Amino acid sequence: MPVISMFYGIIIRLYLLDNQHHNLPHIHARYAEFEASLGIAEGDVLAGELPRKQLRLVQAWIELHRDELMADWELAANGELPYKIDPL
């Protein structure tokens, strides 16, 4: 489960071969004891939870890096290591 970015105490990961889990492109965000899966297309929460402030930060980051995230998703879904993405 490679870390692709970190900012403001939030760790963003893409799991390899994770296209079966929610069946759509998504990331995993962790902050303290909170963890959530967020869709790349809309930034919606698919599972779990994050505090409101951190959720908004992750959603803004997704908006800024959507194309890079989709490229990384394709790599990870095929079992390849995704590239690092600049933090917020």
PDB file of N, CA and C in Angstrom:
ATOM      1  N   MET A   1       0.826  -1.181   0.000  1.00  0.00           N
ATOM      2  CA  MET A   1       0.000   0.000   0.000  1.00  0.00           C
ATOM      3  C   MET A   1       0.877   1.255   0.000  1.00  0.00           C
ATOM      4  N   PRO A   2       1.316   1.662  -1.164  1.00  0.00           N
ATOM      5  CA  PRO A   2       2.221   2.804  -1.280  1.00  0.00           C
ATOM      6  C   PRO A   2       1.589   4.128  -0.841  1.00  0.00           C
ATOM      7  N   VAL A   3       2.388   4.932  -0.156  1.00  0.00           N
ATOM      8  CA  VAL A   3       1.987   6.296   0.192  1.00  0.00           C
ATOM      9  C   VAL A   3       2.290   7.164  -1.020  1.00  0.00           C
ATOM     10  N   ILE A   4       1.277   7.881  -1.525  1.00  0.00           N
ATOM     11  CA  ILE A   4       1.509   8.731  -2.688  1.00  0.00           C
ATOM     12  C   ILE A   4       1.619  10.205  -2.319  1.00  0.00           C
ATOM     13  N   SER A   5       1.133  10.586  -1.113  1.00  0.00           N
ATOM     14  CA  SER A   5       1.271  11.973  -0.672  1.00  0.00           C
ATOM     15  C   SER A   5       1.000  12.075   0.827  1.00  0.00           C
ATOM     16  N   MET A   6       1.549  13.134   1.430  1.00  0.00           N
ATOM     17  CA  MET A   6       1.304  13.436   2.841  1.00  0.00           C
ATOM     18  C   MET A   6       1.241  14.948   2.998  1.00  0.00           C
ATOM     19  N   PHE A   7       0.244  15.424   3.744  1.00  0.00           N
ATOM     20  CA  PHE A   7       0.134  16.850   4.027  1.00  0.00           C
ATOM     21  C   PHE A   7      -0.758  17.062   5.248  1.00  0.00           C
ATOM     22  N   TYR A   8      -0.378  18.026   6.075  1.00  0.00           N
ATOM     23  CA  TYR A   8      -1.138  18.398   7.281  1.00  0.00           C
ATOM     24  C   TYR A   8      -1.523  17.188   8.140  1.00  0.00           C
ATOM     25  N   GLY A   9      -0.627  16.224   8.244  1.00  0.00           N
ATOM     26  CA  GLY A   9      -0.890  15.044   9.065  1.00  0.00           C
ATOM     27  C   GLY A   9      -1.761  13.994   8.400  1.00  0.00           C
ATOM     28  N   ILE A  10      -2.091  14.196   7.130  1.00  0.00           N
ATOM     29  CA  ILE A  10      -2.935  13.265   6.378  1.00  0.00           C
ATOM     30  C   ILE A  10      -2.034  12.423   5.474  1.00  0.00           C
ATOM     31  N   ILE A  11      -2.251  11.122   5.487  1.00  0.00           N
ATOM     32  CA  ILE A  11      -1.491  10.208   4.636  1.00  0.00           C
ATOM     33  C   ILE A  11      -2.433   9.672   3.564  1.00  0.00           C
ATOM     34  N   ILE A  12      -2.014   9.805   2.301  1.00  0.00           N
ATOM     35  CA  ILE A  12      -2.814   9.341   1.176  1.00  0.00           C
ATOM     36  C   ILE A  12      -2.146   8.111   0.579  1.00  0.00           C
ATOM     37  N   ARG A  13      -2.928   7.045   0.408  1.00  0.00           N
ATOM     38  CA  ARG A  13      -2.416   5.792  -0.145  1.00  0.00           C
ATOM     39  C   ARG A  13      -3.299   5.313  -1.298  1.00  0.00           C
ATOM     40  N   LEU A  14      -2.661   4.567  -2.171  1.00  0.00           N
ATOM     41  CA  LEU A  14      -3.366   3.799  -3.200  1.00  0.00           C
ATOM     42  C   LEU A  14      -2.940   2.351  -3.000  1.00  0.00           C
ATOM     43  N   TYR A  15      -3.888   1.471  -2.817  1.00  0.00           N
ATOM     44  CA  TYR A  15      -3.552   0.065  -2.633  1.00  0.00           C
ATOM     45  C   TYR A  15      -3.393  -0.593  -3.992  1.00  0.00           C
ATOM     46  N   LEU A  16      -2.408  -1.456  -4.110  1.00  0.00           N
ATOM     47  CA  LEU A  16      -2.208  -2.195  -5.354  1.00  0.00           C
ATOM     48  C   LEU A  16      -3.316  -3.227  -5.542  1.00  0.00           C
ATOM     49  N   LEU A  17      -3.753  -3.378  -6.772  1.00  0.00           N
ATOM     50  CA  LEU A  17      -4.793  -4.353  -7.134  1.00  0.00           C
ATOM     51  C   LEU A  17      -6.063  -4.176  -6.300  1.00  0.00           C
ATOM     52  N   ASP A  18      -6.437  -2.932  -6.018  1.00  0.00           N
ATOM     53  CA  ASP A  18      -7.590  -2.637  -5.154  1.00  0.00           C
ATOM     54  C   ASP A  18      -8.840  -2.314  -5.964  1.00  0.00           C
ATOM     55  N   ASN A  19      -8.863  -2.649  -7.255  1.00  0.00           N
ATOM     56  CA  ASN A  19     -10.024  -2.309  -8.068  1.00  0.00           C
ATOM     57  C   ASN A  19     -11.237  -3.192  -7.780  1.00  0.00           C
ATOM     58  N   GLN A  20     -11.101  -4.204  -6.952  1.00  0.00           N
ATOM     59  CA  GLN A  20     -12.238  -5.049  -6.584  1.00  0.00           C
ATOM     60  C   GLN A  20     -12.981  -4.511  -5.354  1.00  0.00           C
ATOM     61  N   HIS A  21     -12.290  -3.689  -4.532  1.00  0.00           N
ATOM     62  CA  HIS A  21     -12.833  -3.264  -3.244  1.00  0.00           C
ATOM     63  C   HIS A  21     -14.113  -2.434  -3.382  1.00  0.00           C
ATOM     64  N   HIS A  22     -14.035  -1.307  -4.062  1.00  0.00           N
ATOM     65  CA  HIS A  22     -15.223  -0.466  -4.241  1.00  0.00           C
ATOM     66  C   HIS A  22     -15.654  -0.430  -5.705  1.00  0.00           C
ATOM     67  N   ASN A  23     -14.848  -1.059  -6.558  1.00  0.00           N
ATOM     68  CA  ASN A  23     -15.151  -1.164  -7.978  1.00  0.00           C
ATOM     69  C   ASN A  23     -15.108   0.161  -8.727  1.00  0.00           C
ATOM     70  N   LEU A  24     -14.504   1.182  -8.161  1.00  0.00           N
ATOM     71  CA  LEU A  24     -14.287   2.431  -8.865  1.00  0.00           C
ATOM     72  C   LEU A  24     -13.041   3.099  -8.321  1.00  0.00           C
ATOM     73  N   PRO A  25     -12.430   3.984  -9.111  1.00  0.00           N
ATOM     74  CA  PRO A  25     -11.177   4.610  -8.688  1.00  0.00           C
ATOM     75  C   PRO A  25     -11.328   5.376  -7.372  1.00  0.00           C
ATOM     76  N   HIS A  26     -10.433   5.082  -6.425  1.00  0.00           N
ATOM     77  CA  HIS A  26     -10.517   5.714  -5.111  1.00  0.00           C
ATOM     78  C   HIS A  26      -9.147   5.745  -4.444  1.00  0.00           C
ATOM     79  N   ILE A  27      -9.045   6.567  -3.420  1.00  0.00           N
ATOM     80  CA  ILE A  27      -7.837   6.652  -2.601  1.00  0.00           C
ATOM     81  C   ILE A  27      -8.214   6.326  -1.160  1.00  0.00           C
ATOM     82  N   HIS A  28      -7.198   6.099  -0.349  1.00  0.00           N
ATOM     83  CA  HIS A  28      -7.386   5.884   1.081  1.00  0.00           C
ATOM     84  C   HIS A  28      -6.668   7.014   1.810  1.00  0.00           C
ATOM     85  N   ALA A  29      -7.385   7.708   2.665  1.00  0.00           N
ATOM     86  CA  ALA A  29      -6.807   8.813   3.431  1.00  0.00           C
ATOM     87  C   ALA A  29      -6.861   8.460   4.909  1.00  0.00           C
ATOM     88  N   ARG A  30      -5.747   8.725   5.607  1.00  0.00           N
ATOM     89  CA  ARG A  30      -5.680   8.446   7.042  1.00  0.00           C
ATOM     90  C   ARG A  30      -5.229   9.700   7.771  1.00  0.00           C
ATOM     91  N   TYR A  31      -5.918   9.997   8.860  1.00  0.00           N
ATOM     92  CA  TYR A  31      -5.571  11.117   9.728  1.00  0.00           C
ATOM     93  C   TYR A  31      -5.808  10.662  11.161  1.00  0.00           C
ATOM     94  N   ALA A  32      -4.722  10.592  11.954  1.00  0.00           N
ATOM     95  CA  ALA A  32      -4.802  10.108  13.343  1.00  0.00           C
ATOM     96  C   ALA A  32      -5.494   8.737  13.346  1.00  0.00           C
ATOM     97  N   GLU A  33      -6.573   8.586  14.086  1.00  0.00           N
ATOM     98  CA  GLU A  33      -7.261   7.297  14.149  1.00  0.00           C
ATOM     99  C   GLU A  33      -8.358   7.153  13.093  1.00  0.00           C
ATOM    100  N   PHE A  34      -8.513   8.159  12.241  1.00  0.00           N
ATOM    101  CA  PHE A  34      -9.564   8.159  11.218  1.00  0.00           C
ATOM    102  C   PHE A  34      -9.014   7.669   9.882  1.00  0.00           C
ATOM    103  N   GLU A  35      -9.855   6.967   9.145  1.00  0.00           N
ATOM    104  CA  GLU A  35      -9.493   6.531   7.804  1.00  0.00           C
ATOM    105  C   GLU A  35     -10.730   6.492   6.930  1.00  0.00           C
ATOM    106  N   ALA A  36     -10.575   6.904   5.675  1.00  0.00           N
ATOM    107  CA  ALA A  36     -11.696   6.899   4.745  1.00  0.00           C
ATOM    108  C   ALA A  36     -11.203   6.581   3.340  1.00  0.00           C
ATOM    109  N   SER A  37     -12.094   5.998   2.550  1.00  0.00           N
ATOM    110  CA  SER A  37     -11.871   5.801   1.121  1.00  0.00           C
ATOM    111  C   SER A  37     -12.691   6.862   0.406  1.00  0.00           C
ATOM    112  N   LEU A  38     -12.048   7.573  -0.524  1.00  0.00           N
ATOM    113  CA  LEU A  38     -12.729   8.636  -1.259  1.00  0.00           C
ATOM    114  C   LEU A  38     -12.620   8.383  -2.754  1.00  0.00           C
ATOM    115  N   GLY A  39     -13.732   8.558  -3.465  1.00  0.00           N
ATOM    116  CA  GLY A  39     -13.731   8.399  -4.913  1.00  0.00           C
ATOM    117  C   GLY A  39     -12.923   9.505  -5.574  1.00  0.00           C
ATOM    118  N   ILE A  40     -12.175   9.150  -6.602  1.00  0.00           N
ATOM    119  CA  ILE A  40     -11.363  10.141  -7.305  1.00  0.00           C
ATOM    120  C   ILE A  40     -12.242  11.055  -8.165  1.00  0.00           C
ATOM    121  N   ALA A  41     -13.275  10.523  -8.755  1.00  0.00           N
ATOM    122  CA  ALA A  41     -14.117  11.304  -9.668  1.00  0.00           C
ATOM    123  C   ALA A  41     -14.797  12.497  -8.992  1.00  0.00           C
ATOM    124  N   GLU A  42     -15.372  12.283  -7.825  1.00  0.00           N
ATOM    125  CA  GLU A  42     -16.138  13.330  -7.158  1.00  0.00           C
ATOM    126  C   GLU A  42     -15.620  13.713  -5.779  1.00  0.00           C
ATOM    127  N   GLY A  43     -14.688  12.927  -5.240  1.00  0.00           N
ATOM    128  CA  GLY A  43     -14.186  13.191  -3.894  1.00  0.00           C
ATOM    129  C   GLY A  43     -15.161  12.774  -2.810  1.00  0.00           C
ATOM    130  N   ASP A  44     -16.140  11.934  -3.172  1.00  0.00           N
ATOM    131  CA  ASP A  44     -17.140  11.499  -2.199  1.00  0.00           C
ATOM    132  C   ASP A  44     -16.587  10.385  -1.313  1.00  0.00           C
ATOM    133  N   VAL A  45     -17.063  10.329  -0.088  1.00  0.00           N
ATOM    134  CA  VAL A  45     -16.629   9.302   0.869  1.00  0.00           C
ATOM    135  C   VAL A  45     -17.340   7.996   0.529  1.00  0.00           C
ATOM    136  N   LEU A  46     -16.554   6.967   0.272  1.00  0.00           N
ATOM    137  CA  LEU A  46     -17.102   5.647  -0.052  1.00  0.00           C
ATOM    138  C   LEU A  46     -17.217   4.772   1.185  1.00  0.00           C
ATOM    139  N   ALA A  47     -16.300   4.962   2.123  1.00  0.00           N
ATOM    140  CA  ALA A  47     -16.295   4.178   3.361  1.00  0.00           C
ATOM    141  C   ALA A  47     -15.465   4.922   4.391  1.00  0.00           C
ATOM    142  N   GLY A  48     -15.769   4.693   5.648  1.00  0.00           N
ATOM    143  CA  GLY A  48     -15.001   5.304   6.733  1.00  0.00           C
ATOM    144  C   GLY A  48     -15.369   6.756   6.962  1.00  0.00           C
ATOM    145  N   GLU A  49     -14.481   7.471   7.689  1.00  0.00           N
ATOM    146  CA  GLU A  49     -14.740   8.872   7.978  1.00  0.00           C
ATOM    147  C   GLU A  49     -13.446   9.608   8.302  1.00  0.00           C
ATOM    148  N   LEU A  50     -13.477  10.907   8.070  1.00  0.00           N
ATOM    149  CA  LEU A  50     -12.406  11.831   8.439  1.00  0.00           C
ATOM    150  C   LEU A  50     -13.056  13.025   9.118  1.00  0.00           C
ATOM    151  N   PRO A  51     -12.328  13.724  10.003  1.00  0.00           N
ATOM    152  CA  PRO A  51     -12.876  14.964  10.551  1.00  0.00           C
ATOM    153  C   PRO A  51     -13.170  15.939   9.403  1.00  0.00           C
ATOM    154  N   ARG A  52     -14.149  16.795   9.592  1.00  0.00           N
ATOM    155  CA  ARG A  52     -14.629  17.701   8.542  1.00  0.00           C
ATOM    156  C   ARG A  52     -13.508  18.508   7.883  1.00  0.00           C
ATOM    157  N   LYS A  53     -12.626  19.104   8.676  1.00  0.00           N
ATOM    158  CA  LYS A  53     -11.541  19.930   8.137  1.00  0.00           C
ATOM    159  C   LYS A  53     -10.612  19.104   7.251  1.00  0.00           C
ATOM    160  N   GLN A  54     -10.211  17.933   7.716  1.00  0.00           N
ATOM    161  CA  GLN A  54      -9.301  17.083   6.952  1.00  0.00           C
ATOM    162  C   GLN A  54      -9.985  16.532   5.697  1.00  0.00           C
ATOM    163  N   LEU A  55     -11.269  16.237   5.797  1.00  0.00           N
ATOM    164  CA  LEU A  55     -12.020  15.782   4.628  1.00  0.00           C
ATOM    165  C   LEU A  55     -12.004  16.849   3.542  1.00  0.00           C
ATOM    166  N   ARG A  56     -12.241  18.098   3.920  1.00  0.00           N
ATOM    167  CA  ARG A  56     -12.236  19.211   2.950  1.00  0.00           C
ATOM    168  C   ARG A  56     -10.852  19.381   2.317  1.00  0.00           C
ATOM    169  N   LEU A  57      -9.796  19.207   3.110  1.00  0.00           N
ATOM    170  CA  LEU A  57      -8.435  19.301   2.569  1.00  0.00           C
ATOM    171  C   LEU A  57      -8.183  18.200   1.539  1.00  0.00           C
ATOM    172  N   VAL A  58      -8.583  16.983   1.859  1.00  0.00           N
ATOM    173  CA  VAL A  58      -8.383  15.868   0.934  1.00  0.00           C
ATOM    174  C   VAL A  58      -9.210  16.081  -0.339  1.00  0.00           C
ATOM    175  N   GLN A  59     -10.429  16.550  -0.204  1.00  0.00           N
ATOM    176  CA  GLN A  59     -11.261  16.791  -1.377  1.00  0.00           C
ATOM    177  C   GLN A  59     -10.676  17.887  -2.272  1.00  0.00           C
ATOM    178  N   ALA A  60     -10.110  18.925  -1.666  1.00  0.00           N
ATOM    179  CA  ALA A  60      -9.449  19.979  -2.444  1.00  0.00           C
ATOM    180  C   ALA A  60      -8.230  19.415  -3.162  1.00  0.00           C
ATOM    181  N   TRP A  61      -7.476  18.573  -2.487  1.00  0.00           N
ATOM    182  CA  TRP A  61      -6.291  17.947  -3.080  1.00  0.00           C
ATOM    183  C   TRP A  61      -6.687  17.054  -4.257  1.00  0.00           C
ATOM    184  N   ILE A  62      -7.757  16.285  -4.098  1.00  0.00           N
ATOM    185  CA  ILE A  62      -8.249  15.439  -5.190  1.00  0.00           C
ATOM    186  C   ILE A  62      -8.599  16.307  -6.395  1.00  0.00           C
ATOM    187  N   GLU A  63      -9.281  17.400  -6.163  1.00  0.00           N
ATOM    188  CA  GLU A  63      -9.682  18.311  -7.245  1.00  0.00           C
ATOM    189  C   GLU A  63      -8.458  18.801  -8.025  1.00  0.00           C
ATOM    190  N   LEU A  64      -7.401  19.158  -7.309  1.00  0.00           N
ATOM    191  CA  LEU A  64      -6.182  19.685  -7.938  1.00  0.00           C
ATOM    192  C   LEU A  64      -5.388  18.619  -8.698  1.00  0.00           C
ATOM    193  N   HIS A  65      -5.487  17.375  -8.276  1.00  0.00           N
ATOM    194  CA  HIS A  65      -4.627  16.321  -8.818  1.00  0.00           C
ATOM    195  C   HIS A  65      -5.408  15.169  -9.453  1.00  0.00           C
ATOM    196  N   ARG A  66      -6.623  15.416  -9.896  1.00  0.00           N
ATOM    197  CA  ARG A  66      -7.483  14.341 -10.410  1.00  0.00           C
ATOM    198  C   ARG A  66      -6.834  13.567 -11.569  1.00  0.00           C
ATOM    199  N   ASP A  67      -6.228  14.261 -12.514  1.00  0.00           N
ATOM    200  CA  ASP A  67      -5.614  13.569 -13.657  1.00  0.00           C
ATOM    201  C   ASP A  67      -4.459  12.676 -13.210  1.00  0.00           C
ATOM    202  N   GLU A  68      -3.620  13.200 -12.321  1.00  0.00           N
ATOM    203  CA  GLU A  68      -2.504  12.406 -11.800  1.00  0.00           C
ATOM    204  C   GLU A  68      -3.019  11.197 -11.009  1.00  0.00           C
ATOM    205  N   LEU A  69      -4.082  11.405 -10.247  1.00  0.00           N
ATOM    206  CA  LEU A  69      -4.660  10.313  -9.461  1.00  0.00           C
ATOM    207  C   LEU A  69      -5.215   9.215 -10.359  1.00  0.00           C
ATOM    208  N   MET A  70      -5.854   9.605 -11.450  1.00  0.00           N
ATOM    209  CA  MET A  70      -6.395   8.593 -12.368  1.00  0.00           C
ATOM    210  C   MET A  70      -5.263   7.798 -13.015  1.00  0.00           C
ATOM    211  N   ALA A  71      -4.174   8.474 -13.364  1.00  0.00           N
ATOM    212  CA  ALA A  71      -3.018   7.774 -13.935  1.00  0.00           C
ATOM    213  C   ALA A  71      -2.422   6.811 -12.898  1.00  0.00           C
ATOM    214  N   ASP A  72      -2.303   7.279 -11.650  1.00  0.00           N
ATOM    215  CA  ASP A  72      -1.800   6.421 -10.574  1.00  0.00           C
ATOM    216  C   ASP A  72      -2.744   5.256 -10.308  1.00  0.00           C
ATOM    217  N   TRP A  73      -4.046   5.498 -10.385  1.00  0.00           N
ATOM    218  CA  TRP A  73      -5.034   4.441 -10.161  1.00  0.00           C
ATOM    219  C   TRP A  73      -4.825   3.309 -11.176  1.00  0.00           C
ATOM    220  N   GLU A  74      -4.623   3.683 -12.436  1.00  0.00           N
ATOM    221  CA  GLU A  74      -4.408   2.675 -13.476  1.00  0.00           C
ATOM    222  C   GLU A  74      -3.165   1.834 -13.167  1.00  0.00           C
ATOM    223  N   LEU A  75      -2.098   2.495 -12.752  1.00  0.00           N
ATOM    224  CA  LEU A  75      -0.878   1.767 -12.389  1.00  0.00           C
ATOM    225  C   LEU A  75      -1.141   0.800 -11.234  1.00  0.00           C
ATOM    226  N   ALA A  76      -1.748   1.321 -10.164  1.00  0.00           N
ATOM    227  CA  ALA A  76      -1.987   0.507  -8.965  1.00  0.00           C
ATOM    228  C   ALA A  76      -2.951  -0.642  -9.249  1.00  0.00           C
ATOM    229  N   ALA A  77      -3.979  -0.393 -10.059  1.00  0.00           N
ATOM    230  CA  ALA A  77      -4.947  -1.442 -10.383  1.00  0.00           C
ATOM    231  C   ALA A  77      -4.289  -2.581 -11.158  1.00  0.00           C
ATOM    232  N   ASN A  78      -3.196  -2.266 -11.857  1.00  0.00           N
ATOM    233  CA  ASN A  78      -2.452  -3.277 -12.608  1.00  0.00           C
ATOM    234  C   ASN A  78      -1.280  -3.854 -11.818  1.00  0.00           C
ATOM    235  N   GLY A  79      -1.187  -3.502 -10.541  1.00  0.00           N
ATOM    236  CA  GLY A  79      -0.148  -4.052  -9.683  1.00  0.00           C
ATOM    237  C   GLY A  79       1.179  -3.328  -9.757  1.00  0.00           C
ATOM    238  N   GLU A  80       1.208  -2.156 -10.419  1.00  0.00           N
ATOM    239  CA  GLU A  80       2.430  -1.379 -10.532  1.00  0.00           C
ATOM    240  C   GLU A  80       2.460  -0.280  -9.474  1.00  0.00           C
ATOM    241  N   LEU A  81       3.649   0.125  -9.068  1.00  0.00           N
ATOM    242  CA  LEU A  81       3.769   1.189  -8.059  1.00  0.00           C
ATOM    243  C   LEU A  81       3.350   2.531  -8.633  1.00  0.00           C
ATOM    244  N   PRO A  82       2.461   3.250  -7.933  1.00  0.00           N
ATOM    245  CA  PRO A  82       2.050   4.575  -8.395  1.00  0.00           C
ATOM    246  C   PRO A  82       3.140   5.618  -8.087  1.00  0.00           C
ATOM    247  N   TYR A  83       3.071   6.741  -8.788  1.00  0.00           N
ATOM    248  CA  TYR A  83       4.004   7.834  -8.571  1.00  0.00           C
ATOM    249  C   TYR A  83       3.571   8.686  -7.379  1.00  0.00           C
ATOM    250  N   LYS A  84       4.522   9.365  -6.754  1.00  0.00           N
ATOM    251  CA  LYS A  84       4.219  10.327  -5.690  1.00  0.00           C
ATOM    252  C   LYS A  84       3.528  11.534  -6.326  1.00  0.00           C
ATOM    253  N   ILE A  85       2.636  12.153  -5.570  1.00  0.00           N
ATOM    254  CA  ILE A  85       1.917  13.344  -6.024  1.00  0.00           C
ATOM    255  C   ILE A  85       2.183  14.457  -5.023  1.00  0.00           C
ATOM    256  N   ASP A  86       2.399  15.661  -5.519  1.00  0.00           N
ATOM    257  CA  ASP A  86       2.709  16.804  -4.655  1.00  0.00           C
ATOM    258  C   ASP A  86       1.637  17.001  -3.574  1.00  0.00           C
ATOM    259  N   PRO A  87       2.064  17.380  -2.384  1.00  0.00           N
ATOM    260  CA  PRO A  87       1.095  17.642  -1.308  1.00  0.00           C
ATOM    261  C   PRO A  87       0.320  18.928  -1.563  1.00  0.00           C
ATOM    262  N   LEU A  88      -0.653  19.172  -0.727  1.00  0.00           N
ATOM    263  CA  LEU A  88      -1.484  20.365  -0.811  1.00  0.00           C
ATOM    264  C   LEU A  88      -0.694  21.571  -0.351  1.00  0.00           C
TER     265      LEU A  88
END
